[in-house]
Every structure is written in C-alpha cells, then in structure tokens.
Amino acid sequence: MGFFDFLFKNKRKMVGEFIENEAIVLDVRTKAEYSIGAISGSKNIPLQILSSNISDIKKLNKPVITCCASGMRSGTAASILKRNGINAINGGGWQRLSQLLAN
C-alpha cells in the first residue's frame, strides 16, 4: 500500500464516521459551480459568505463534511468551522467525496 492509498483509506474512514453521526455535506463552491453538479442532498454555502452563516450552521447541530472543486476551499472552510466550535472535516473535492459516499 502506497502513501496516497493510506491517506485515502484514512479519509474514507473519517467520512464514514461523520456520516454515521448524521453529518451534513457543505459544498463551499460558488453557486454557479454548484449548479453544474453537486452531491445529492448537500448544502451550498460559498466560502466567501461562510463566516456570516456560522450561526445557521451551528443550529443544525450536526457534524459537517466540507467539499469544493479540489479540496483547497473546503480545507479553509473546515478550519473556519472548527474555530467556531463546529465538528468539521475537509472532504476534499466534491467528485471524489461523492465516490466515497457511494461506497
């Protein structure tokens, strides 16, 4: 098993644990990007306005898996959420996350 296989299996395990705890998938791409394709049931709050929606996300009282196009913005979003007391992980790119959720 290579290093990237190890990382992917760890992410799969973390995502699975979050889903077991009824996590929501938060897609932080722009509305235009989101409209092209997204994970079914995900919520779209673009990274640019995420900070102004923290209280609404907290009200959901659920863990959060963030995603975007490549994993960069979702990493920033997960950090913002964690700093605000929300249990969050970076799910990475939405297409790869979609594959993880399907398995």
Protein backbone atom coordinates (compact mmCIF):
# COMPACT_ATOMS: atom_id res chain seq x y z
CA MET A 1 0.00 0.00 0.00
CA GLY A 2 1.37 3.37 -1.00
CA PHE A 3 1.28 6.60 0.94
CA PHE A 4 -1.67 8.00 -1.04
CA ASP A 5 -3.63 4.77 -0.58
CA PHE A 6 -3.07 5.14 3.16
CA LEU A 7 -4.32 8.74 3.13
CA PHE A 8 -7.37 7.82 1.04
CA LYS A 9 -8.31 4.97 3.39
CA ASN A 10 -7.99 7.30 6.39
CA LYS A 11 -10.24 9.85 4.69
CA ARG A 12 -12.76 7.12 3.84
CA LYS A 13 -12.82 6.06 7.49
CA MET A 14 -13.25 9.63 8.74
CA VAL A 15 -16.00 10.39 6.24
CA GLY A 16 -17.74 7.14 7.21
CA GLU A 17 -17.63 8.06 10.89
CA PHE A 18 -19.04 11.51 10.17
CA ILE A 19 -21.86 10.04 8.05
CA GLU A 20 -22.70 7.60 10.86
CA ASN A 21 -23.14 10.69 13.06
CA GLU A 22 -25.58 12.23 10.53
CA ALA A 23 -23.12 14.77 9.12
CA ILE A 24 -24.20 17.25 6.51
CA VAL A 25 -22.18 17.83 3.36
CA LEU A 26 -21.42 21.51 2.89
CA ASP A 27 -20.27 22.49 -0.59
CA VAL A 28 -18.39 25.79 -0.46
CA ARG A 29 -18.08 26.37 -4.20
CA THR A 30 -19.81 29.31 -5.86
CA LYS A 31 -23.49 28.97 -6.75
CA ALA A 32 -22.52 28.78 -10.45
CA GLU A 33 -20.10 25.90 -9.79
CA TYR A 34 -22.63 24.13 -7.60
CA SER A 35 -25.33 24.37 -10.26
CA ILE A 36 -23.14 22.43 -12.72
CA GLY A 37 -23.03 19.38 -10.44
CA ALA A 38 -23.08 18.55 -6.75
CA ILE A 39 -23.56 15.79 -4.21
CA SER A 40 -27.22 14.98 -3.76
CA GLY A 41 -28.54 16.43 -0.51
CA SER A 42 -25.56 18.72 0.03
CA LYS A 43 -25.96 22.32 1.13
CA ASN A 44 -24.30 25.12 -0.80
CA ILE A 45 -22.78 27.98 1.15
CA PRO A 46 -19.97 29.60 -0.83
CA LEU A 47 -16.73 30.11 1.10
CA GLN A 48 -17.00 33.88 0.57
CA ILE A 49 -20.13 34.04 2.77
CA LEU A 50 -19.45 31.10 5.11
CA SER A 51 -18.48 33.25 8.11
CA SER A 52 -21.78 35.09 8.00
CA ASN A 53 -23.67 31.76 8.14
CA ILE A 54 -21.93 30.22 11.17
CA SER A 55 -24.94 30.64 13.47
CA ASP A 56 -27.23 28.88 10.96
CA ILE A 57 -24.78 26.00 10.63
CA LYS A 58 -24.50 25.70 14.41
CA LYS A 59 -28.31 25.47 14.64
CA LEU A 60 -28.19 22.29 12.54
CA ASN A 61 -26.33 20.66 15.45
CA LYS A 62 -24.62 18.17 13.15
CA PRO A 63 -21.05 17.44 12.13
CA VAL A 64 -20.03 18.90 8.76
CA ILE A 65 -18.08 17.49 5.83
CA THR A 66 -16.90 20.32 3.60
CA CYS A 67 -16.19 19.96 -0.12
CA CYS A 68 -15.33 22.13 -3.10
CA ALA A 69 -13.74 21.56 -6.51
CA SER A 70 -10.27 20.42 -5.41
CA GLY A 71 -10.14 20.48 -1.61
CA MET A 72 -8.45 23.83 -1.11
CA ARG A 73 -11.50 25.96 -0.29
CA SER A 74 -13.08 23.12 1.68
CA GLY A 75 -9.92 22.93 3.81
CA THR A 76 -10.25 26.62 4.61
CA ALA A 77 -13.96 26.16 5.32
CA ALA A 78 -13.34 23.23 7.69
CA SER A 79 -10.78 25.35 9.58
CA ILE A 80 -13.26 28.24 9.89
CA LEU A 81 -15.96 25.91 11.16
CA LYS A 82 -13.63 24.24 13.69
CA ARG A 83 -12.52 27.64 15.03
CA ASN A 84 -16.20 28.36 15.63
CA GLY A 85 -16.82 25.16 17.60
CA ILE A 86 -18.32 23.07 14.78
CA ASN A 87 -17.13 19.50 14.31
CA ALA A 88 -15.92 19.58 10.69
CA ILE A 89 -13.60 17.75 8.31
CA ASN A 90 -12.35 18.54 4.85
CA GLY A 91 -13.96 16.07 2.45
CA GLY A 92 -11.89 17.43 -0.45
CA GLY A 93 -13.15 17.67 -3.99
CA TRP A 94 -16.86 17.03 -4.39
CA GLN A 95 -16.46 14.40 -7.11
CA ARG A 96 -14.04 12.32 -5.04
CA LEU A 97 -16.20 12.76 -1.94
CA SER A 98 -19.19 11.62 -3.97
CA GLN A 99 -17.32 8.40 -4.75
CA LEU A 100 -16.52 7.88 -1.07
CA LEU A 101 -20.14 8.39 -0.09
CA ALA A 102 -21.31 5.91 -2.73
CA ASN A 103 -19.12 3.10 -1.31
